[in-house]
Structure formats: structure tokens, C-alpha cells
Amino acid sequence: MNDRAEEVKRVITAIDALTEGEPPEARARRLTDLLKSVGEKVRRERREAVLEMQAGGMTYRDIAKASGISFGRVRQIIADDPDKPSPASE
């Protein structure tokens, strides 16, 4: 667990270094791009983990408790297919 906390610290340090010395406009744009790409990666990875737990026989409530998220969020994650086009993009 402590190794994970150190990993998070390293990522935050890397983010700080990524934007160090940039004017606010450039920093805002770079951080927006980073947030989009990292956010998507995190959502996909979390969904994969949740689907693995479901395939392993865990209930939605078990998954919620194990993941530290709500039952409703588990349902949303499982129902959401990131590869399926949204109605707005069709």
C-alpha cells in the first residue's frame, strides 16, 4: 500500500514538472489535455477491473464495497460501454 502512495506522489511530481515555468494559458491547455487523456485511461482501467470482479462472481454491492464507490456508480460503470457511440455522436 505504501508503494502505491509513493507512485501517486511520483505522478503528481511529474505533472508539476510538466507545466513548470509555463505561462498560465499554456499550463491551462496542457493540463486540460492531460486531464482528458488521463481521465479516459483511468475510467477504462476502472471499468475493466469492475468487469473482472463481476466476472469473478462478485455482486454489485460487493464490488462497491471493495472499490470504495457507491452501488449506483458500479451499475453505471458496468452499463457504460466506452466503445459504443453516444447518442450525440450518432
PDB file of N, CA and C in Angstrom:
ATOM      1  N   MET A   1       0.825  -1.192   0.000  1.00  0.00           N
ATOM      2  CA  MET A   1       0.000   0.000   0.000  1.00  0.00           C
ATOM      3  C   MET A   1       0.870   1.256   0.000  1.00  0.00           C
ATOM      4  N   ASN A   2       1.938   1.250   0.745  1.00  0.00           N
ATOM      5  CA  ASN A   2       2.832   2.392   0.797  1.00  0.00           C
ATOM      6  C   ASN A   2       3.479   2.642  -0.564  1.00  0.00           C
ATOM      7  N   ASP A   3       3.771   1.559  -1.306  1.00  0.00           N
ATOM      8  CA  ASP A   3       4.330   1.699  -2.650  1.00  0.00           C
ATOM      9  C   ASP A   3       3.361   2.450  -3.558  1.00  0.00           C
ATOM     10  N   ARG A   4       2.076   2.195  -3.400  1.00  0.00           N
ATOM     11  CA  ARG A   4       1.061   2.877  -4.210  1.00  0.00           C
ATOM     12  C   ARG A   4       1.043   4.365  -3.890  1.00  0.00           C
ATOM     13  N   ALA A   5       1.159   4.717  -2.626  1.00  0.00           N
ATOM     14  CA  ALA A   5       1.182   6.129  -2.238  1.00  0.00           C
ATOM     15  C   ALA A   5       2.401   6.817  -2.848  1.00  0.00           C
ATOM     16  N   GLU A   6       3.511   6.133  -2.873  1.00  0.00           N
ATOM     17  CA  GLU A   6       4.723   6.689  -3.490  1.00  0.00           C
ATOM     18  C   GLU A   6       4.534   6.860  -4.993  1.00  0.00           C
ATOM     19  N   GLU A   7       3.866   5.906  -5.619  1.00  0.00           N
ATOM     20  CA  GLU A   7       3.575   6.013  -7.056  1.00  0.00           C
ATOM     21  C   GLU A   7       2.744   7.249  -7.349  1.00  0.00           C
ATOM     22  N   VAL A   8       1.730   7.474  -6.535  1.00  0.00           N
ATOM     23  CA  VAL A   8       0.869   8.641  -6.719  1.00  0.00           C
ATOM     24  C   VAL A   8       1.690   9.920  -6.564  1.00  0.00           C
ATOM     25  N   LYS A   9       2.559   9.960  -5.573  1.00  0.00           N
ATOM     26  CA  LYS A   9       3.420  11.131  -5.375  1.00  0.00           C
ATOM     27  C   LYS A   9       4.304  11.367  -6.594  1.00  0.00           C
ATOM     28  N   ARG A  10       4.847  10.296  -7.176  1.00  0.00           N
ATOM     29  CA  ARG A  10       5.694  10.437  -8.366  1.00  0.00           C
ATOM     30  C   ARG A  10       4.904  10.983  -9.547  1.00  0.00           C
ATOM     31  N   VAL A  11       3.684  10.536  -9.702  1.00  0.00           N
ATOM     32  CA  VAL A  11       2.839  11.032 -10.793  1.00  0.00           C
ATOM     33  C   VAL A  11       2.556  12.518 -10.594  1.00  0.00           C
ATOM     34  N   ILE A  12       2.228  12.914  -9.388  1.00  0.00           N
ATOM     35  CA  ILE A  12       1.941  14.325  -9.107  1.00  0.00           C
ATOM     36  C   ILE A  12       3.182  15.179  -9.341  1.00  0.00           C
ATOM     37  N   THR A  13       4.335  14.678  -8.936  1.00  0.00           N
ATOM     38  CA  THR A  13       5.589  15.394  -9.180  1.00  0.00           C
ATOM     39  C   THR A  13       5.833  15.542 -10.679  1.00  0.00           C
ATOM     40  N   ALA A  14       5.547  14.494 -11.437  1.00  0.00           N
ATOM     41  CA  ALA A  14       5.722  14.551 -12.894  1.00  0.00           C
ATOM     42  C   ALA A  14       4.775  15.569 -13.518  1.00  0.00           C
ATOM     43  N   ILE A  15       3.559  15.646 -13.017  1.00  0.00           N
ATOM     44  CA  ILE A  15       2.604  16.633 -13.528  1.00  0.00           C
ATOM     45  C   ILE A  15       3.110  18.044 -13.231  1.00  0.00           C
ATOM     46  N   ASP A  16       3.612  18.245 -12.019  1.00  0.00           N
ATOM     47  CA  ASP A  16       4.167  19.559 -11.669  1.00  0.00           C
ATOM     48  C   ASP A  16       5.308  19.928 -12.611  1.00  0.00           C
ATOM     49  N   ALA A  17       6.189  18.971 -12.886  1.00  0.00           N
ATOM     50  CA  ALA A  17       7.339  19.225 -13.754  1.00  0.00           C
ATOM     51  C   ALA A  17       6.896  19.499 -15.189  1.00  0.00           C
ATOM     52  N   LEU A  18       5.823  18.879 -15.600  1.00  0.00           N
ATOM     53  CA  LEU A  18       5.318  19.031 -16.963  1.00  0.00           C
ATOM     54  C   LEU A  18       4.925  20.473 -17.279  1.00  0.00           C
ATOM     55  N   THR A  19       4.435  21.183 -16.287  1.00  0.00           N
ATOM     56  CA  THR A  19       3.931  22.535 -16.531  1.00  0.00           C
ATOM     57  C   THR A  19       4.790  23.625 -15.889  1.00  0.00           C
ATOM     58  N   GLU A  20       5.877  23.237 -15.294  1.00  0.00           N
ATOM     59  CA  GLU A  20       6.728  24.200 -14.593  1.00  0.00           C
ATOM     60  C   GLU A  20       7.250  25.277 -15.542  1.00  0.00           C
ATOM     61  N   GLY A  21       7.089  26.511 -15.142  1.00  0.00           N
ATOM     62  CA  GLY A  21       7.626  27.625 -15.908  1.00  0.00           C
ATOM     63  C   GLY A  21       6.797  28.055 -17.100  1.00  0.00           C
ATOM     64  N   GLU A  22       5.682  27.400 -17.355  1.00  0.00           N
ATOM     65  CA  GLU A  22       4.836  27.783 -18.484  1.00  0.00           C
ATOM     66  C   GLU A  22       3.917  28.926 -18.098  1.00  0.00           C
ATOM     67  N   PRO A  23       3.581  29.778 -19.052  1.00  0.00           N
ATOM     68  CA  PRO A  23       2.588  30.820 -18.763  1.00  0.00           C
ATOM     69  C   PRO A  23       1.236  30.169 -18.462  1.00  0.00           C
ATOM     70  N   PRO A  24       0.359  30.874 -17.764  1.00  0.00           N
ATOM     71  CA  PRO A  24      -0.907  30.262 -17.344  1.00  0.00           C
ATOM     72  C   PRO A  24      -1.744  29.718 -18.496  1.00  0.00           C
ATOM     73  N   GLU A  25      -1.714  30.388 -19.649  1.00  0.00           N
ATOM     74  CA  GLU A  25      -2.513  29.923 -20.783  1.00  0.00           C
ATOM     75  C   GLU A  25      -2.025  28.559 -21.276  1.00  0.00           C
ATOM     76  N   ALA A  26      -0.714  28.430 -21.403  1.00  0.00           N
ATOM     77  CA  ALA A  26      -0.133  27.160 -21.854  1.00  0.00           C
ATOM     78  C   ALA A  26      -0.343  26.076 -20.807  1.00  0.00           C
ATOM     79  N   ARG A  27      -0.201  26.443 -19.529  1.00  0.00           N
ATOM     80  CA  ARG A  27      -0.404  25.487 -18.441  1.00  0.00           C
ATOM     81  C   ARG A  27      -1.838  24.981 -18.436  1.00  0.00           C
ATOM     82  N   ALA A  28      -2.789  25.898 -18.609  1.00  0.00           N
ATOM     83  CA  ALA A  28      -4.201  25.505 -18.612  1.00  0.00           C
ATOM     84  C   ALA A  28      -4.500  24.552 -19.770  1.00  0.00           C
ATOM     85  N   ARG A  29      -3.964  24.858 -20.959  1.00  0.00           N
ATOM     86  CA  ARG A  29      -4.205  24.000 -22.115  1.00  0.00           C
ATOM     87  C   ARG A  29      -3.572  22.620 -21.919  1.00  0.00           C
ATOM     88  N   ARG A  30      -2.319  22.595 -21.459  1.00  0.00           N
ATOM     89  CA  ARG A  30      -1.624  21.316 -21.253  1.00  0.00           C
ATOM     90  C   ARG A  30      -2.336  20.478 -20.204  1.00  0.00           C
ATOM     91  N   LEU A  31      -2.777  21.115 -19.118  1.00  0.00           N
ATOM     92  CA  LEU A  31      -3.464  20.376 -18.058  1.00  0.00           C
ATOM     93  C   LEU A  31      -4.838  19.895 -18.510  1.00  0.00           C
ATOM     94  N   THR A  32      -5.509  20.661 -19.349  1.00  0.00           N
ATOM     95  CA  THR A  32      -6.793  20.221 -19.892  1.00  0.00           C
ATOM     96  C   THR A  32      -6.597  18.975 -20.760  1.00  0.00           C
ATOM     97  N   ASP A  33      -5.591  19.007 -21.615  1.00  0.00           N
ATOM     98  CA  ASP A  33      -5.289  17.844 -22.462  1.00  0.00           C
ATOM     99  C   ASP A  33      -4.918  16.637 -21.611  1.00  0.00           C
ATOM    100  N   LEU A  34      -4.121  16.874 -20.593  1.00  0.00           N
ATOM    101  CA  LEU A  34      -3.708  15.789 -19.699  1.00  0.00           C
ATOM    102  C   LEU A  34      -4.906  15.197 -18.976  1.00  0.00           C
ATOM    103  N   LEU A  35      -5.768  16.061 -18.479  1.00  0.00           N
ATOM    104  CA  LEU A  35      -6.949  15.598 -17.760  1.00  0.00           C
ATOM    105  C   LEU A  35      -7.837  14.738 -18.651  1.00  0.00           C
ATOM    106  N   LYS A  36      -8.017  15.146 -19.891  1.00  0.00           N
ATOM    107  CA  LYS A  36      -8.827  14.365 -20.830  1.00  0.00           C
ATOM    108  C   LYS A  36      -8.222  12.977 -21.052  1.00  0.00           C
ATOM    109  N   SER A  37      -6.941  12.930 -21.365  1.00  0.00           N
ATOM    110  CA  SER A  37      -6.326  11.641 -21.688  1.00  0.00           C
ATOM    111  C   SER A  37      -6.178  10.743 -20.466  1.00  0.00           C
ATOM    112  N   VAL A  38      -5.759  11.308 -19.353  1.00  0.00           N
ATOM    113  CA  VAL A  38      -5.592  10.504 -18.141  1.00  0.00           C
ATOM    114  C   VAL A  38      -6.953  10.064 -17.616  1.00  0.00           C
ATOM    115  N   GLY A  39      -7.922  10.979 -17.650  1.00  0.00           N
ATOM    116  CA  GLY A  39      -9.260  10.634 -17.180  1.00  0.00           C
ATOM    117  C   GLY A  39      -9.848   9.467 -17.953  1.00  0.00           C
ATOM    118  N   GLU A  40      -9.688   9.497 -19.258  1.00  0.00           N
ATOM    119  CA  GLU A  40     -10.191   8.398 -20.095  1.00  0.00           C
ATOM    120  C   GLU A  40      -9.487   7.089 -19.750  1.00  0.00           C
ATOM    121  N   LYS A  41      -8.178   7.140 -19.590  1.00  0.00           N
ATOM    122  CA  LYS A  41      -7.401   5.940 -19.246  1.00  0.00           C
ATOM    123  C   LYS A  41      -7.854   5.377 -17.899  1.00  0.00           C
ATOM    124  N   VAL A  42      -8.027   6.244 -16.921  1.00  0.00           N
ATOM    125  CA  VAL A  42      -8.453   5.800 -15.590  1.00  0.00           C
ATOM    126  C   VAL A  42      -9.851   5.187 -15.644  1.00  0.00           C
ATOM    127  N   ARG A  43     -10.763   5.833 -16.377  1.00  0.00           N
ATOM    128  CA  ARG A  43     -12.121   5.278 -16.487  1.00  0.00           C
ATOM    129  C   ARG A  43     -12.106   3.893 -17.130  1.00  0.00           C
ATOM    130  N   ARG A  44     -11.335   3.738 -18.203  1.00  0.00           N
ATOM    131  CA  ARG A  44     -11.267   2.426 -18.877  1.00  0.00           C
ATOM    132  C   ARG A  44     -10.668   1.355 -17.964  1.00  0.00           C
ATOM    133  N   GLU A  45      -9.599   1.709 -17.271  1.00  0.00           N
ATOM    134  CA  GLU A  45      -8.948   0.747 -16.369  1.00  0.00           C
ATOM    135  C   GLU A  45      -9.877   0.361 -15.219  1.00  0.00           C
ATOM    136  N   ARG A  46     -10.579   1.365 -14.658  1.00  0.00           N
ATOM    137  CA  ARG A  46     -11.501   1.062 -13.567  1.00  0.00           C
ATOM    138  C   ARG A  46     -12.625   0.173 -14.064  1.00  0.00           C
ATOM    139  N   ARG A  47     -13.168   0.451 -15.241  1.00  0.00           N
ATOM    140  CA  ARG A  47     -14.245  -0.377 -15.787  1.00  0.00           C
ATOM    141  C   ARG A  47     -13.771  -1.812 -15.993  1.00  0.00           C
ATOM    142  N   GLU A  48     -12.574  -1.962 -16.511  1.00  0.00           N
ATOM    143  CA  GLU A  48     -12.022  -3.299 -16.707  1.00  0.00           C
ATOM    144  C   GLU A  48     -11.926  -4.052 -15.374  1.00  0.00           C
ATOM    145  N   ALA A  49     -11.452  -3.375 -14.336  1.00  0.00           N
ATOM    146  CA  ALA A  49     -11.335  -4.009 -13.019  1.00  0.00           C
ATOM    147  C   ALA A  49     -12.710  -4.392 -12.475  1.00  0.00           C
ATOM    148  N   VAL A  50     -13.682  -3.491 -12.639  1.00  0.00           N
ATOM    149  CA  VAL A  50     -15.041  -3.773 -12.159  1.00  0.00           C
ATOM    150  C   VAL A  50     -15.639  -4.951 -12.923  1.00  0.00           C
ATOM    151  N   LEU A  51     -15.447  -4.990 -14.229  1.00  0.00           N
ATOM    152  CA  LEU A  51     -15.963  -6.108 -15.021  1.00  0.00           C
ATOM    153  C   LEU A  51     -15.287  -7.429 -14.640  1.00  0.00           C
ATOM    154  N   GLU A  52     -14.007  -7.377 -14.309  1.00  0.00           N
ATOM    155  CA  GLU A  52     -13.307  -8.582 -13.847  1.00  0.00           C
ATOM    156  C   GLU A  52     -13.898  -9.081 -12.533  1.00  0.00           C
ATOM    157  N   MET A  53     -14.197  -8.141 -11.620  1.00  0.00           N
ATOM    158  CA  MET A  53     -14.811  -8.545 -10.350  1.00  0.00           C
ATOM    159  C   MET A  53     -16.182  -9.156 -10.586  1.00  0.00           C
ATOM    160  N   GLN A  54     -16.943  -8.552 -11.495  1.00  0.00           N
ATOM    161  CA  GLN A  54     -18.265  -9.085 -11.820  1.00  0.00           C
ATOM    162  C   GLN A  54     -18.140 -10.481 -12.428  1.00  0.00           C
ATOM    163  N   ALA A  55     -17.211 -10.654 -13.343  1.00  0.00           N
ATOM    164  CA  ALA A  55     -16.998 -11.968 -13.970  1.00  0.00           C
ATOM    165  C   ALA A  55     -16.539 -12.997 -12.947  1.00  0.00           C
ATOM    166  N   GLY A  56     -15.880 -12.533 -11.901  1.00  0.00           N
ATOM    167  CA  GLY A  56     -15.432 -13.432 -10.837  1.00  0.00           C
ATOM    168  C   GLY A  56     -16.530 -13.797  -9.856  1.00  0.00           C
ATOM    169  N   GLY A  57     -17.734 -13.278 -10.086  1.00  0.00           N
ATOM    170  CA  GLY A  57     -18.874 -13.663  -9.261  1.00  0.00           C
ATOM    171  C   GLY A  57     -19.260 -12.671  -8.179  1.00  0.00           C
ATOM    172  N   MET A  58     -18.598 -11.537  -8.116  1.00  0.00           N
ATOM    173  CA  MET A  58     -18.948 -10.549  -7.097  1.00  0.00           C
ATOM    174  C   MET A  58     -20.248  -9.844  -7.476  1.00  0.00           C
ATOM    175  N   THR A  59     -21.043  -9.532  -6.464  1.00  0.00           N
ATOM    176  CA  THR A  59     -22.269  -8.765  -6.690  1.00  0.00           C
ATOM    177  C   THR A  59     -21.913  -7.292  -6.828  1.00  0.00           C
ATOM    178  N   TYR A  60     -22.886  -6.510  -7.293  1.00  0.00           N
ATOM    179  CA  TYR A  60     -22.663  -5.069  -7.409  1.00  0.00           C
ATOM    180  C   TYR A  60     -22.308  -4.480  -6.042  1.00  0.00           C
ATOM    181  N   ARG A  61     -22.987  -4.939  -5.005  1.00  0.00           N
ATOM    182  CA  ARG A  61     -22.717  -4.434  -3.653  1.00  0.00           C
ATOM    183  C   ARG A  61     -21.309  -4.820  -3.193  1.00  0.00           C
ATOM    184  N   ASP A  62     -20.897  -6.054  -3.497  1.00  0.00           N
ATOM    185  CA  ASP A  62     -19.532  -6.488  -3.152  1.00  0.00           C
ATOM    186  C   ASP A  62     -18.497  -5.620  -3.873  1.00  0.00           C
ATOM    187  N   ILE A  63     -18.755  -5.362  -5.148  1.00  0.00           N
ATOM    188  CA  ILE A  63     -17.837  -4.551  -5.951  1.00  0.00           C
ATOM    189  C   ILE A  63     -17.769  -3.133  -5.379  1.00  0.00           C
ATOM    190  N   ALA A  64     -18.924  -2.592  -5.039  1.00  0.00           N
ATOM    191  CA  ALA A  64     -18.968  -1.240  -4.472  1.00  0.00           C
ATOM    192  C   ALA A  64     -18.148  -1.161  -3.195  1.00  0.00           C
ATOM    193  N   LYS A  65     -18.332  -2.116  -2.327  1.00  0.00           N
ATOM    194  CA  LYS A  65     -17.598  -2.114  -1.054  1.00  0.00           C
ATOM    195  C   LYS A  65     -16.097  -2.280  -1.287  1.00  0.00           C
ATOM    196  N   ALA A  66     -15.730  -3.200  -2.156  1.00  0.00           N
ATOM    197  CA  ALA A  66     -14.315  -3.459  -2.427  1.00  0.00           C
ATOM    198  C   ALA A  66     -13.635  -2.288  -3.116  1.00  0.00           C
ATOM    199  N   SER A  67     -14.394  -1.539  -3.918  1.00  0.00           N
ATOM    200  CA  SER A  67     -13.838  -0.451  -4.716  1.00  0.00           C
ATOM    201  C   SER A  67     -13.924   0.908  -4.030  1.00  0.00           C
ATOM    202  N   GLY A  68     -14.730   0.996  -2.980  1.00  0.00           N
ATOM    203  CA  GLY A  68     -14.904   2.271  -2.304  1.00  0.00           C
ATOM    204  C   GLY A  68     -15.770   3.240  -3.089  1.00  0.00           C
ATOM    205  N   ILE A  69     -16.688   2.688  -3.892  1.00  0.00           N
ATOM    206  CA  ILE A  69     -17.616   3.516  -4.663  1.00  0.00           C
ATOM    207  C   ILE A  69     -19.036   3.069  -4.363  1.00  0.00           C
ATOM    208  N   SER A  70     -20.007   3.848  -4.793  1.00  0.00           N
ATOM    209  CA  SER A  70     -21.398   3.524  -4.488  1.00  0.00           C
ATOM    210  C   SER A  70     -21.924   2.404  -5.396  1.00  0.00           C
ATOM    211  N   PHE A  71     -22.981   1.776  -4.922  1.00  0.00           N
ATOM    212  CA  PHE A  71     -23.678   0.754  -5.690  1.00  0.00           C
ATOM    213  C   PHE A  71     -24.144   1.322  -7.024  1.00  0.00           C
ATOM    214  N   GLY A  72     -24.696   2.535  -6.994  1.00  0.00           N
ATOM    215  CA  GLY A  72     -25.166   3.182  -8.216  1.00  0.00           C
ATOM    216  C   GLY A  72     -24.046   3.419  -9.215  1.00  0.00           C
ATOM    217  N   ARG A  73     -22.873   3.816  -8.720  1.00  0.00           N
ATOM    218  CA  ARG A  73     -21.734   4.050  -9.605  1.00  0.00           C
ATOM    219  C   ARG A  73     -21.293   2.722 -10.233  1.00  0.00           C
ATOM    220  N   VAL A  74     -21.326   1.644  -9.477  1.00  0.00           N
ATOM    221  CA  VAL A  74     -20.972   0.333 -10.034  1.00  0.00           C
ATOM    222  C   VAL A  74     -21.912   0.011 -11.188  1.00  0.00           C
ATOM    223  N   ARG A  75     -23.209   0.233 -10.989  1.00  0.00           N
ATOM    224  CA  ARG A  75     -24.177  -0.018 -12.067  1.00  0.00           C
ATOM    225  C   ARG A  75     -23.867   0.827 -13.291  1.00  0.00           C
ATOM    226  N   GLN A  76     -23.516   2.094 -13.079  1.00  0.00           N
ATOM    227  CA  GLN A  76     -23.183   2.978 -14.201  1.00  0.00           C
ATOM    228  C   GLN A  76     -21.942   2.486 -14.936  1.00  0.00           C
ATOM    229  N   ILE A  77     -20.931   2.105 -14.185  1.00  0.00           N
ATOM    230  CA  ILE A  77     -19.674   1.651 -14.792  1.00  0.00           C
ATOM    231  C   ILE A  77     -19.911   0.413 -15.639  1.00  0.00           C
ATOM    232  N   ILE A  78     -20.672  -0.525 -15.105  1.00  0.00           N
ATOM    233  CA  ILE A  78     -20.927  -1.770 -15.831  1.00  0.00           C
ATOM    234  C   ILE A  78     -21.788  -1.505 -17.067  1.00  0.00           C
ATOM    235  N   ALA A  79     -22.751  -0.607 -16.949  1.00  0.00           N
ATOM    236  CA  ALA A  79     -23.644  -0.311 -18.070  1.00  0.00           C
ATOM    237  C   ALA A  79     -22.961   0.500 -19.161  1.00  0.00           C
ATOM    238  N   ASP A  80     -21.961   1.289 -18.789  1.00  0.00           N
ATOM    239  CA  ASP A  80     -21.298   2.181 -19.742  1.00  0.00           C
ATOM    240  C   ASP A  80     -20.335   1.393 -20.615  1.00  0.00           C
ATOM    241  N   ASP A  81     -20.530   1.492 -21.925  1.00  0.00           N
ATOM    242  CA  ASP A  81     -19.602   0.873 -22.871  1.00  0.00           C
ATOM    243  C   ASP A  81     -18.871   2.000 -23.588  1.00  0.00           C
ATOM    244  N   PRO A  82     -17.593   2.247 -23.236  1.00  0.00           N
ATOM    245  CA  PRO A  82     -16.880   3.376 -23.825  1.00  0.00           C
ATOM    246  C   PRO A  82     -16.656   3.242 -25.328  1.00  0.00           C
ATOM    247  N   ASP A  83     -16.792   2.060 -25.864  1.00  0.00           N
ATOM    248  CA  ASP A  83     -16.590   1.852 -27.294  1.00  0.00           C
ATOM    249  C   ASP A  83     -17.878   2.043 -28.091  1.00  0.00           C
ATOM    250  N   LYS A  84     -18.995   2.188 -27.388  1.00  0.00           N
ATOM    251  CA  LYS A  84     -20.284   2.389 -28.045  1.00  0.00           C
ATOM    252  C   LYS A  84     -20.483   3.889 -28.261  1.00  0.00           C
ATOM    253  N   PRO A  85     -20.806   4.299 -29.484  1.00  0.00           N
ATOM    254  CA  PRO A  85     -21.017   5.737 -29.734  1.00  0.00           C
ATOM    255  C   PRO A  85     -22.155   6.281 -28.884  1.00  0.00           C
ATOM    256  N   SER A  86     -21.986   7.497 -28.388  1.00  0.00           N
ATOM    257  CA  SER A  86     -23.049   8.127 -27.616  1.00  0.00           C
ATOM    258  C   SER A  86     -24.110   8.624 -28.592  1.00  0.00           C
ATOM    259  N   PRO A  87     -25.353   8.785 -28.114  1.00  0.00           N
ATOM    260  CA  PRO A  87     -26.418   9.258 -29.000  1.00  0.00           C
ATOM    261  C   PRO A  87     -26.088  10.597 -29.659  1.00  0.00           C
ATOM    262  N   ALA A  88     -25.358  11.445 -28.974  1.00  0.00           N
ATOM    263  CA  ALA A  88     -24.998  12.762 -29.531  1.00  0.00           C
ATOM    264  C   ALA A  88     -24.030  12.649 -30.697  1.00  0.00           C
ATOM    265  N   SER A  89     -23.237  11.586 -30.739  1.00  0.00           N
ATOM    266  CA  SER A  89     -22.250  11.439 -31.804  1.00  0.00           C
ATOM    267  C   SER A  89     -22.772  10.620 -32.975  1.00  0.00           C
ATOM    268  N   GLU A  90     -23.977  10.131 -32.883  1.00  0.00           N
ATOM    269  CA  GLU A  90     -24.537   9.325 -33.986  1.00  0.00           C
ATOM    270  C   GLU A  90     -25.146  10.182 -35.050  1.00  0.00           C
TER     271      GLU A  90
END
